């Protein structure tokens, strides 16, 4: 016995220019029939919440599938899978495509060479898929945009749920972020953590989808923007605060990556912050209540 619900969509050209579009969504459970062998021309993420089964690689090698797990079905790759014929499984699937799949693959969010990915918990990805299913109600004028936005959210949720990584990536990323503003080279950071530069590059690439240099640069420039926008520190002092001893080099680097010089960025984004800025996210529930104006006098 099994139950199947699915809907398929045909986004228009303008929707495709959003970068990702959802082509279909489905929720199924039970002793579902075998899928394949087949080849798709789009991506599909199959999130398995309970149960188990198997996945057959193109060369016939079987890989056991035990929930929670993700099946990546990528364009042009033959696949063949099925739940256990006795126990079945509970799955949600999303078909999607678009030019943004290429950078998501480059960043490690989509893994064509790893079709079976163990998850720590399928709750968050499944919640996104359920919202997409609700968006598929008849006559929803926001359907294509709502589901396209949800595909981005799903890729992030799946990345956070991977069993081989902590939700925020490899632990070395936390150490790099802590030391990001020290004037250290990538080799210095690697030595500090007892790693070779190659091992550090592999860890950061796997955890953040970029090189250690780009990971550190993103943190440094983000903080530099905060200092430029919320303080009156000279550019040279900002450069030192974020780990650059040469202010001229910092200015060139900032201009190349941000697209505008530090002085111009400050002119555009500068804010007066009485008492200084805070790195704590404000809680709207604790926002102070403004006092009513006092009685007017004549």
C-alpha atoms as a PDB file:
ATOM      1  CA  UNK A   1       0.000   0.000   0.000  1.00  0.00           C
ATOM      2  CA  UNK A   2       1.203   3.490  -0.764  1.00  0.00           C
ATOM      3  CA  UNK A   3      -0.078   7.033  -1.070  1.00  0.00           C
ATOM      4  CA  UNK A   4       1.088   9.528  -3.673  1.00  0.00           C
ATOM      5  CA  UNK A   5       0.375  13.251  -4.099  1.00  0.00           C
ATOM      6  CA  UNK A   6       2.198  15.411  -6.647  1.00  0.00           C
ATOM      7  CA  UNK A   7       1.841  18.607  -8.658  1.00  0.00           C
ATOM      8  CA  UNK A   8       3.837  19.843 -11.656  1.00  0.00           C
ATOM      9  CA  UNK A   9       4.372  23.420 -12.839  1.00  0.00           C
ATOM     10  CA  UNK A  10       5.427  25.213 -16.019  1.00  0.00           C
ATOM     11  CA  UNK A  11       7.178  28.467 -15.048  1.00  0.00           C
ATOM     12  CA  UNK A  12       7.447  31.160 -17.700  1.00  0.00           C
ATOM     13  CA  UNK A  13      10.582  32.798 -19.130  1.00  0.00           C
ATOM     14  CA  UNK A  14      10.540  35.591 -16.529  1.00  0.00           C
ATOM     15  CA  UNK A  15      10.414  33.020 -13.726  1.00  0.00           C
ATOM     16  CA  UNK A  16      13.446  31.202 -15.155  1.00  0.00           C
ATOM     17  CA  UNK A  17      15.384  34.460 -14.941  1.00  0.00           C
ATOM     18  CA  UNK A  18      15.011  34.237 -11.157  1.00  0.00           C
ATOM     19  CA  UNK A  19      17.828  31.668 -11.280  1.00  0.00           C
ATOM     20  CA  UNK A  20      15.921  28.674  -9.931  1.00  0.00           C
ATOM     21  CA  UNK A  21      12.416  27.456 -10.652  1.00  0.00           C
ATOM     22  CA  UNK A  22      10.371  24.637  -9.184  1.00  0.00           C
ATOM     23  CA  UNK A  23       9.039  22.185 -11.769  1.00  0.00           C
ATOM     24  CA  UNK A  24       7.171  19.925  -9.378  1.00  0.00           C
ATOM     25  CA  UNK A  25       6.650  18.823  -5.806  1.00  0.00           C
ATOM     26  CA  UNK A  26       5.382  15.585  -4.311  1.00  0.00           C
ATOM     27  CA  UNK A  27       4.697  13.826  -1.014  1.00  0.00           C
ATOM     28  CA  UNK A  28       4.597  10.022  -0.913  1.00  0.00           C
ATOM     29  CA  UNK A  29       4.718   7.250   1.656  1.00  0.00           C
ATOM     30  CA  UNK A  30       4.406   3.491   1.892  1.00  0.00           C
ATOM     31  CA  UNK A  31       5.731   0.664  -0.255  1.00  0.00           C
ATOM     32  CA  UNK A  32       6.224   2.852  -3.306  1.00  0.00           C
ATOM     33  CA  UNK A  33       7.045   1.327  -6.692  1.00  0.00           C
ATOM     34  CA  UNK A  34      10.605   1.216  -8.003  1.00  0.00           C
ATOM     35  CA  UNK A  35      11.788   4.347  -9.834  1.00  0.00           C
ATOM     36  CA  UNK A  36      13.863   3.855 -12.971  1.00  0.00           C
ATOM     37  CA  UNK A  37      16.140   3.112 -14.471  1.00  0.00           C
ATOM     38  CA  UNK A  38      15.676   6.559 -15.989  1.00  0.00           C
ATOM     39  CA  UNK A  39      17.519   9.802 -16.819  1.00  0.00           C
ATOM     40  CA  UNK A  40      16.213  13.298 -16.042  1.00  0.00           C
ATOM     41  CA  UNK A  41      16.929  16.636 -17.709  1.00  0.00           C
ATOM     42  CA  UNK A  42      16.536  18.535 -14.418  1.00  0.00           C
ATOM     43  CA  UNK A  43      17.512  18.233 -10.747  1.00  0.00           C
ATOM     44  CA  UNK A  44      15.425  16.411  -8.163  1.00  0.00           C
ATOM     45  CA  UNK A  45      15.922  16.334  -4.404  1.00  0.00           C
ATOM     46  CA  UNK A  46      14.235  13.361  -2.736  1.00  0.00           C
ATOM     47  CA  UNK A  47      14.076  13.783   1.052  1.00  0.00           C
ATOM     48  CA  UNK A  48      13.383  10.522   2.887  1.00  0.00           C
ATOM     49  CA  UNK A  49      12.018  11.091   6.378  1.00  0.00           C
ATOM     50  CA  UNK A  50      11.365   7.523   7.580  1.00  0.00           C
ATOM     51  CA  UNK A  51      12.042   4.006   6.350  1.00  0.00           C
ATOM     52  CA  UNK A  52      14.738   2.706   4.061  1.00  0.00           C
ATOM     53  CA  UNK A  53      15.538   1.125   0.727  1.00  0.00           C
ATOM     54  CA  UNK A  54      18.311   1.174  -1.851  1.00  0.00           C
ATOM     55  CA  UNK A  55      19.829   3.233  -4.666  1.00  0.00           C
ATOM     56  CA  UNK A  56      21.492   1.638  -7.701  1.00  0.00           C
ATOM     57  CA  UNK A  57      24.408   3.485  -9.314  1.00  0.00           C
ATOM     58  CA  UNK A  58      24.790   3.478 -13.118  1.00  0.00           C
ATOM     59  CA  UNK A  59      27.326   0.643 -12.830  1.00  0.00           C
ATOM     60  CA  UNK A  60      24.846  -1.459 -10.847  1.00  0.00           C
ATOM     61  CA  UNK A  61      26.409  -0.950  -7.411  1.00  0.00           C
ATOM     62  CA  UNK A  62      23.731  -0.787  -4.699  1.00  0.00           C
ATOM     63  CA  UNK A  63      23.883   1.725  -1.855  1.00  0.00           C
ATOM     64  CA  UNK A  64      21.588   1.247   1.149  1.00  0.00           C
ATOM     65  CA  UNK A  65      19.341   4.199   1.958  1.00  0.00           C
ATOM     66  CA  UNK A  66      18.358   4.725   5.595  1.00  0.00           C
ATOM     67  CA  UNK A  67      16.248   7.673   6.724  1.00  0.00           C
ATOM     68  CA  UNK A  68      16.843  10.482   7.263  1.00  0.00           C
ATOM     69  CA  UNK A  69      18.532  10.769   3.898  1.00  0.00           C
ATOM     70  CA  UNK A  70      18.659  12.727   0.670  1.00  0.00           C
ATOM     71  CA  UNK A  71      18.773  11.375  -2.870  1.00  0.00           C
ATOM     72  CA  UNK A  72      20.315  13.789  -5.405  1.00  0.00           C
ATOM     73  CA  UNK A  73      19.040  13.061  -8.905  1.00  0.00           C
ATOM     74  CA  UNK A  74      21.041  15.205 -11.328  1.00  0.00           C
ATOM     75  CA  UNK A  75      20.544  15.838 -15.064  1.00  0.00           C
ATOM     76  CA  UNK A  76      21.949  13.215 -17.396  1.00  0.00           C
ATOM     77  CA  UNK A  77      22.772  10.702 -14.656  1.00  0.00           C
ATOM     78  CA  UNK A  78      20.998   7.317 -14.844  1.00  0.00           C
ATOM     79  CA  UNK A  79      19.406   6.337 -11.542  1.00  0.00           C
ATOM     80  CA  UNK A  80      17.328   3.523 -10.136  1.00  0.00           C
ATOM     81  CA  UNK A  81      15.982   3.401  -6.577  1.00  0.00           C
ATOM     82  CA  UNK A  82      13.214   1.932  -4.457  1.00  0.00           C
ATOM     83  CA  UNK A  83      12.054   1.724  -0.853  1.00  0.00           C
ATOM     84  CA  UNK A  84      12.144  -1.547   1.024  1.00  0.00           C
ATOM     85  CA  UNK A  85       9.254  -3.661  -0.319  1.00  0.00           C
ATOM     86  CA  UNK A  86       8.180  -4.573   3.220  1.00  0.00           C
ATOM     87  CA  UNK A  87       8.554  -1.383   5.248  1.00  0.00           C
ATOM     88  CA  UNK A  88       8.505   1.294   2.522  1.00  0.00           C
ATOM     89  CA  UNK A  89       9.529   4.876   3.227  1.00  0.00           C
ATOM     90  CA  UNK A  90       8.160   8.413   3.555  1.00  0.00           C
ATOM     91  CA  UNK A  91       9.486  10.871   0.969  1.00  0.00           C
ATOM     92  CA  UNK A  92       9.043  14.394  -0.304  1.00  0.00           C
ATOM     93  CA  UNK A  93      10.516  15.376  -3.647  1.00  0.00           C
ATOM     94  CA  UNK A  94      11.154  18.620  -5.490  1.00  0.00           C
ATOM     95  CA  UNK A  95      11.989  18.941  -9.192  1.00  0.00           C
ATOM     96  CA  UNK A  96      13.903  22.112 -10.074  1.00  0.00           C
ATOM     97  CA  UNK A  97      16.153  23.693 -12.665  1.00  0.00           C
ATOM     98  CA  UNK A  98      17.795  26.995 -13.583  1.00  0.00           C
ATOM     99  CA  UNK A  99      21.177  28.642 -14.125  1.00  0.00           C
ATOM    100  CA  UNK A 100      21.699  29.002 -10.355  1.00  0.00           C
ATOM    101  CA  UNK A 101      22.181  25.226 -10.091  1.00  0.00           C
ATOM    102  CA  UNK A 102      25.738  25.734 -11.415  1.00  0.00           C
ATOM    103  CA  UNK A 103      26.964  28.029  -8.599  1.00  0.00           C
ATOM    104  CA  UNK A 104      25.075  25.959  -6.021  1.00  0.00           C
ATOM    105  CA  UNK A 105      27.006  22.936  -7.308  1.00  0.00           C
ATOM    106  CA  UNK A 106      30.283  24.872  -7.224  1.00  0.00           C
ATOM    107  CA  UNK A 107      29.580  25.880  -3.616  1.00  0.00           C
ATOM    108  CA  UNK A 108      28.870  22.271  -2.623  1.00  0.00           C
ATOM    109  CA  UNK A 109      25.135  22.564  -1.986  1.00  0.00           C
ATOM    110  CA  UNK A 110      24.390  20.164  -4.854  1.00  0.00           C
ATOM    111  CA  UNK A 111      26.655  17.107  -5.085  1.00  0.00           C
ATOM    112  CA  UNK A 112      26.303  15.274  -8.417  1.00  0.00           C
ATOM    113  CA  UNK A 113      28.940  12.706  -7.434  1.00  0.00           C
ATOM    114  CA  UNK A 114      27.206  11.877  -4.169  1.00  0.00           C
ATOM    115  CA  UNK A 115      23.656  10.720  -4.917  1.00  0.00           C
ATOM    116  CA  UNK A 116      22.948   9.366  -1.413  1.00  0.00           C
ATOM    117  CA  UNK A 117      23.547  11.847   1.429  1.00  0.00           C
ATOM    118  CA  UNK A 118      22.841  10.922   5.072  1.00  0.00           C
ATOM    119  CA  UNK A 119      21.041  13.650   7.029  1.00  0.00           C
ATOM    120  CA  UNK A 120      20.962  14.303  10.750  1.00  0.00           C
ATOM    121  CA  UNK A 121      17.313  15.335  10.618  1.00  0.00           C
ATOM    122  CA  UNK A 122      14.837  15.735   7.760  1.00  0.00           C
ATOM    123  CA  UNK A 123      12.478  18.018   9.682  1.00  0.00           C
ATOM    124  CA  UNK A 124      13.613  21.363   8.247  1.00  0.00           C
ATOM    125  CA  UNK A 125      13.871  20.247   4.592  1.00  0.00           C
ATOM    126  CA  UNK A 126      10.543  18.454   4.869  1.00  0.00           C
ATOM    127  CA  UNK A 127       8.914  21.613   6.271  1.00  0.00           C
ATOM    128  CA  UNK A 128      10.090  23.556   3.191  1.00  0.00           C
ATOM    129  CA  UNK A 129       8.671  20.886   0.868  1.00  0.00           C
ATOM    130  CA  UNK A 130       5.365  20.953   2.758  1.00  0.00           C
ATOM    131  CA  UNK A 131       5.147  24.729   2.290  1.00  0.00           C
ATOM    132  CA  UNK A 132       5.781  24.256  -1.409  1.00  0.00           C
ATOM    133  CA  UNK A 133       2.954  21.730  -1.528  1.00  0.00           C
ATOM    134  CA  UNK A 134       0.629  24.223   0.145  1.00  0.00           C
ATOM    135  CA  UNK A 135       1.661  26.880  -2.377  1.00  0.00           C
ATOM    136  CA  UNK A 136       0.463  24.526  -5.120  1.00  0.00           C
ATOM    137  CA  UNK A 137      -3.173  25.242  -4.246  1.00  0.00           C
ATOM    138  CA  UNK A 138      -5.323  25.990  -7.295  1.00  0.00           C
ATOM    139  CA  UNK A 139      -5.330  29.598  -8.430  1.00  0.00           C
ATOM    140  CA  UNK A 140      -2.373  30.763  -6.319  1.00  0.00           C
ATOM    141  CA  UNK A 141      -1.062  33.780  -8.303  1.00  0.00           C
ATOM    142  CA  UNK A 142       2.274  33.650  -6.447  1.00  0.00           C
ATOM    143  CA  UNK A 143       2.887  29.958  -7.177  1.00  0.00           C
ATOM    144  CA  UNK A 144       5.938  30.170  -9.437  1.00  0.00           C
ATOM    145  CA  UNK A 145       7.747  32.867  -7.451  1.00  0.00           C
ATOM    146  CA  UNK A 146       6.827  31.373  -4.074  1.00  0.00           C
ATOM    147  CA  UNK A 147       8.083  27.909  -5.019  1.00  0.00           C
ATOM    148  CA  UNK A 148      11.201  29.324  -6.741  1.00  0.00           C
ATOM    149  CA  UNK A 149      12.153  31.140  -3.537  1.00  0.00           C
ATOM    150  CA  UNK A 150      11.526  27.934  -1.603  1.00  0.00           C
ATOM    151  CA  UNK A 151      13.987  25.985  -3.776  1.00  0.00           C
ATOM    152  CA  UNK A 152      16.769  28.293  -2.553  1.00  0.00           C
ATOM    153  CA  UNK A 153      15.566  27.740   1.010  1.00  0.00           C
ATOM    154  CA  UNK A 154      15.470  23.984   0.488  1.00  0.00           C
ATOM    155  CA  UNK A 155      19.080  23.869  -0.706  1.00  0.00           C
ATOM    156  CA  UNK A 156      20.181  25.744   2.420  1.00  0.00           C
ATOM    157  CA  UNK A 157      18.099  23.477   4.679  1.00  0.00           C
ATOM    158  CA  UNK A 158      19.588  20.370   3.067  1.00  0.00           C
ATOM    159  CA  UNK A 159      23.092  21.758   3.459  1.00  0.00           C
ATOM    160  CA  UNK A 160      22.486  22.393   7.155  1.00  0.00           C
ATOM    161  CA  UNK A 161      21.005  18.912   7.662  1.00  0.00           C
ATOM    162  CA  UNK A 162      23.951  16.983   6.219  1.00  0.00           C
ATOM    163  CA  UNK A 163      25.211  14.400   8.697  1.00  0.00           C
ATOM    164  CA  UNK A 164      28.873  14.897   7.757  1.00  0.00           C
ATOM    165  CA  UNK A 165      28.897  18.570   8.743  1.00  0.00           C
ATOM    166  CA  UNK A 166      27.787  20.650  11.671  1.00  0.00           C
ATOM    167  CA  UNK A 167      24.982  23.113  10.797  1.00  0.00           C
ATOM    168  CA  UNK A 168      27.562  25.889  10.376  1.00  0.00           C
ATOM    169  CA  UNK A 169      30.155  23.823   8.543  1.00  0.00           C
ATOM    170  CA  UNK A 170      33.482  22.295   9.499  1.00  0.00           C
ATOM    171  CA  UNK A 171      34.693  23.246  13.025  1.00  0.00           C
ATOM    172  CA  UNK A 172      37.766  24.846  11.482  1.00  0.00           C
ATOM    173  CA  UNK A 173      35.490  27.550  10.054  1.00  0.00           C
ATOM    174  CA  UNK A 174      34.697  28.748  13.573  1.00  0.00           C
ATOM    175  CA  UNK A 175      38.398  28.980  14.362  1.00  0.00           C
ATOM    176  CA  UNK A 176      39.091  30.890  11.149  1.00  0.00           C
ATOM    177  CA  UNK A 177      36.257  33.302  11.883  1.00  0.00           C
ATOM    178  CA  UNK A 178      37.610  33.884  15.387  1.00  0.00           C
ATOM    179  CA  UNK A 179      41.080  34.726  14.055  1.00  0.00           C
ATOM    180  CA  UNK A 180      39.950  36.415  10.831  1.00  0.00           C
ATOM    181  CA  UNK A 181      41.139  39.908  11.806  1.00  0.00           C
ATOM    182  CA  UNK A 182      44.657  38.890  12.718  1.00  0.00           C
ATOM    183  CA  UNK A 183      47.297  39.743  10.073  1.00  0.00           C
ATOM    184  CA  UNK A 184      47.903  36.086   9.220  1.00  0.00           C
ATOM    185  CA  UNK A 185      48.357  34.289   5.906  1.00  0.00           C
ATOM    186  CA  UNK A 186      46.460  31.132   4.956  1.00  0.00           C
ATOM    187  CA  UNK A 187      49.637  29.171   5.732  1.00  0.00           C
ATOM    188  CA  UNK A 188      49.761  30.816   9.179  1.00  0.00           C
ATOM    189  CA  UNK A 189      46.154  29.784   9.852  1.00  0.00           C
ATOM    190  CA  UNK A 190      46.857  26.227   8.720  1.00  0.00           C
ATOM    191  CA  UNK A 191      49.910  25.942  10.978  1.00  0.00           C
ATOM    192  CA  UNK A 192      47.942  27.356  13.887  1.00  0.00           C
ATOM    193  CA  UNK A 193      45.508  24.453  13.601  1.00  0.00           C
ATOM    194  CA  UNK A 194      48.126  21.799  12.917  1.00  0.00           C
ATOM    195  CA  UNK A 195      47.080  21.395   9.290  1.00  0.00           C
ATOM    196  CA  UNK A 196      48.778  21.661   5.944  1.00  0.00           C
ATOM    197  CA  UNK A 197      47.577  24.437   3.645  1.00  0.00           C
ATOM    198  CA  UNK A 198      46.074  21.787   1.357  1.00  0.00           C
ATOM    199  CA  UNK A 199      44.150  20.193   4.242  1.00  0.00           C
ATOM    200  CA  UNK A 200      42.845  23.604   5.301  1.00  0.00           C
ATOM    201  CA  UNK A 201      41.712  24.356   1.746  1.00  0.00           C
ATOM    202  CA  UNK A 202      39.881  21.019   1.592  1.00  0.00           C
ATOM    203  CA  UNK A 203      38.139  21.592   4.928  1.00  0.00           C
ATOM    204  CA  UNK A 204      37.036  25.123   4.072  1.00  0.00           C
ATOM    205  CA  UNK A 205      35.933  24.158   0.570  1.00  0.00           C
ATOM    206  CA  UNK A 206      33.822  21.344   2.002  1.00  0.00           C
ATOM    207  CA  UNK A 207      32.351  23.463   4.772  1.00  0.00           C
ATOM    208  CA  UNK A 208      31.860  26.822   3.039  1.00  0.00           C
ATOM    209  CA  UNK A 209      32.180  26.112  -0.672  1.00  0.00           C
ATOM    210  CA  UNK A 210      35.074  28.540  -1.151  1.00  0.00           C
ATOM    211  CA  UNK A 211      38.797  28.908  -0.526  1.00  0.00           C
ATOM    212  CA  UNK A 212      40.171  29.929   2.894  1.00  0.00           C
ATOM    213  CA  UNK A 213      41.286  33.230   1.353  1.00  0.00           C
ATOM    214  CA  UNK A 214      37.768  34.043   0.124  1.00  0.00           C
ATOM    215  CA  UNK A 215      36.218  32.889   3.402  1.00  0.00           C
ATOM    216  CA  UNK A 216      38.474  35.202   5.413  1.00  0.00           C
ATOM    217  CA  UNK A 217      38.030  38.027   2.914  1.00  0.00           C
ATOM    218  CA  UNK A 218      34.251  37.873   3.228  1.00  0.00           C
ATOM    219  CA  UNK A 219      34.451  38.200   7.016  1.00  0.00           C
ATOM    220  CA  UNK A 220      37.038  40.991   6.872  1.00  0.00           C
ATOM    221  CA  UNK A 221      35.221  43.087   4.272  1.00  0.00           C
ATOM    222  CA  UNK A 222      31.891  42.602   6.025  1.00  0.00           C
ATOM    223  CA  UNK A 223      33.336  43.995   9.253  1.00  0.00           C
ATOM    224  CA  UNK A 224      35.124  46.760   7.362  1.00  0.00           C
ATOM    225  CA  UNK A 225      31.773  47.852   5.911  1.00  0.00           C
ATOM    226  CA  UNK A 226      30.268  47.944   9.401  1.00  0.00           C
ATOM    227  CA  UNK A 227      33.126  50.123  10.678  1.00  0.00           C
ATOM    228  CA  UNK A 228      32.939  52.455   7.692  1.00  0.00           C
ATOM    229  CA  UNK A 229      29.177  52.831   8.001  1.00  0.00           C
ATOM    230  CA  UNK A 230      28.909  53.258  11.772  1.00  0.00           C
ATOM    231  CA  UNK A 231      32.148  54.901  12.953  1.00  0.00           C
ATOM    232  CA  UNK A 232      34.358  57.813  11.988  1.00  0.00           C
ATOM    233  CA  UNK A 233      37.560  55.763  12.076  1.00  0.00           C
ATOM    234  CA  UNK A 234      40.008  56.719   9.319  1.00  0.00           C
ATOM    235  CA  UNK A 235      40.271  54.196   6.499  1.00  0.00           C
ATOM    236  CA  UNK A 236      43.786  53.272   7.641  1.00  0.00           C
ATOM    237  CA  UNK A 237      42.454  52.434  11.117  1.00  0.00           C
ATOM    238  CA  UNK A 238      39.630  50.370   9.605  1.00  0.00           C
ATOM    239  CA  UNK A 239      42.190  48.471   7.561  1.00  0.00           C
ATOM    240  CA  UNK A 240      44.224  47.636  10.687  1.00  0.00           C
ATOM    241  CA  UNK A 241      41.087  46.585  12.595  1.00  0.00           C
ATOM    242  CA  UNK A 242      40.297  43.964   9.966  1.00  0.00           C
ATOM    243  CA  UNK A 243      43.831  42.627   9.561  1.00  0.00           C
ATOM    244  CA  UNK A 244      45.474  44.714   6.829  1.00  0.00           C
ATOM    245  CA  UNK A 245      48.633  46.591   7.819  1.00  0.00           C
ATOM    246  CA  UNK A 246      48.880  48.321   4.438  1.00  0.00           C
ATOM    247  CA  UNK A 247      45.933  50.745   4.046  1.00  0.00           C
ATOM    248  CA  UNK A 248      46.638  51.277   0.334  1.00  0.00           C
ATOM    249  CA  UNK A 249      46.405  47.539  -0.316  1.00  0.00           C
ATOM    250  CA  UNK A 250      43.196  47.393   1.737  1.00  0.00           C
ATOM    251  CA  UNK A 251      41.668  50.232  -0.301  1.00  0.00           C
ATOM    252  CA  UNK A 252      42.530  48.546  -3.606  1.00  0.00           C
ATOM    253  CA  UNK A 253      41.188  45.213  -2.397  1.00  0.00           C
ATOM    254  CA  UNK A 254      37.999  46.792  -1.029  1.00  0.00           C
ATOM    255  CA  UNK A 255      37.411  48.687  -4.277  1.00  0.00           C
ATOM    256  CA  UNK A 256      37.960  45.599  -6.425  1.00  0.00           C
ATOM    257  CA  UNK A 257      35.660  43.339  -4.385  1.00  0.00           C
ATOM    258  CA  UNK A 258      32.962  45.811  -3.325  1.00  0.00           C
ATOM    259  CA  UNK A 259      32.930  47.869  -6.495  1.00  0.00           C
ATOM    260  CA  UNK A 260      33.420  51.218  -4.798  1.00  0.00           C
ATOM    261  CA  UNK A 261      36.261  52.756  -2.720  1.00  0.00           C
ATOM    262  CA  UNK A 262      35.984  52.741   1.096  1.00  0.00           C
ATOM    263  CA  UNK A 263      35.456  56.525   1.233  1.00  0.00           C
ATOM    264  CA  UNK A 264      32.607  56.372  -1.252  1.00  0.00           C
ATOM    265  CA  UNK A 265      31.047  53.413   0.563  1.00  0.00           C
ATOM    266  CA  UNK A 266      31.090  55.470   3.774  1.00  0.00           C
ATOM    267  CA  UNK A 267      29.487  58.433   1.989  1.00  0.00           C
ATOM    268  CA  UNK A 268      26.682  56.190   0.723  1.00  0.00           C
ATOM    269  CA  UNK A 269      26.088  54.023   3.794  1.00  0.00           C
ATOM    270  CA  UNK A 270      27.269  56.100   6.738  1.00  0.00           C
ATOM    271  CA  UNK A 271      24.927  56.202   9.724  1.00  0.00           C
ATOM    272  CA  UNK A 272      25.068  58.212  12.918  1.00  0.00           C
ATOM    273  CA  UNK A 273      24.873  55.683  15.731  1.00  0.00           C
ATOM    274  CA  UNK A 274      24.587  57.360  19.139  1.00  0.00           C
ATOM    275  CA  UNK A 275      26.357  55.286  21.745  1.00  0.00           C
ATOM    276  CA  UNK A 276      27.992  53.080  19.103  1.00  0.00           C
ATOM    277  CA  UNK A 277      26.717  50.195  17.017  1.00  0.00           C
ATOM    278  CA  UNK A 278      25.890  46.737  18.305  1.00  0.00           C
ATOM    279  CA  UNK A 279      26.534  43.321  16.785  1.00  0.00           C
ATOM    280  CA  UNK A 280      23.522  41.874  18.623  1.00  0.00           C
ATOM    281  CA  UNK A 281      20.435  41.297  16.507  1.00  0.00           C
ATOM    282  CA  UNK A 282      17.601  43.363  17.999  1.00  0.00           C
ATOM    283  CA  UNK A 283      14.608  41.532  19.382  1.00  0.00           C
ATOM    284  CA  UNK A 284      11.394  43.271  18.245  1.00  0.00           C
ATOM    285  CA  UNK A 285       9.584  41.824  21.255  1.00  0.00           C
ATOM    286  CA  UNK A 286      11.917  43.747  23.559  1.00  0.00           C
ATOM    287  CA  UNK A 287      11.877  47.010  21.683  1.00  0.00           C
ATOM    288  CA  UNK A 288      11.454  49.883  24.141  1.00  0.00           C
ATOM    289  CA  UNK A 289       8.031  51.495  24.132  1.00  0.00           C
ATOM    290  CA  UNK A 290       8.242  55.173  23.171  1.00  0.00           C
ATOM    291  CA  UNK A 291       6.972  57.568  25.791  1.00  0.00           C
ATOM    292  CA  UNK A 292       3.912  59.576  24.789  1.00  0.00           C
ATOM    293  CA  UNK A 293       4.582  63.267  24.228  1.00  0.00           C
ATOM    294  CA  UNK A 294       4.054  65.488  27.252  1.00  0.00           C
ATOM    295  CA  UNK A 295       1.317  68.079  27.469  1.00  0.00           C
ATOM    296  CA  UNK A 296       1.707  70.990  25.114  1.00  0.00           C
ATOM    297  CA  UNK A 297       2.328  74.382  26.618  1.00  0.00           C
ATOM    298  CA  UNK A 298       1.435  77.722  25.131  1.00  0.00           C
END
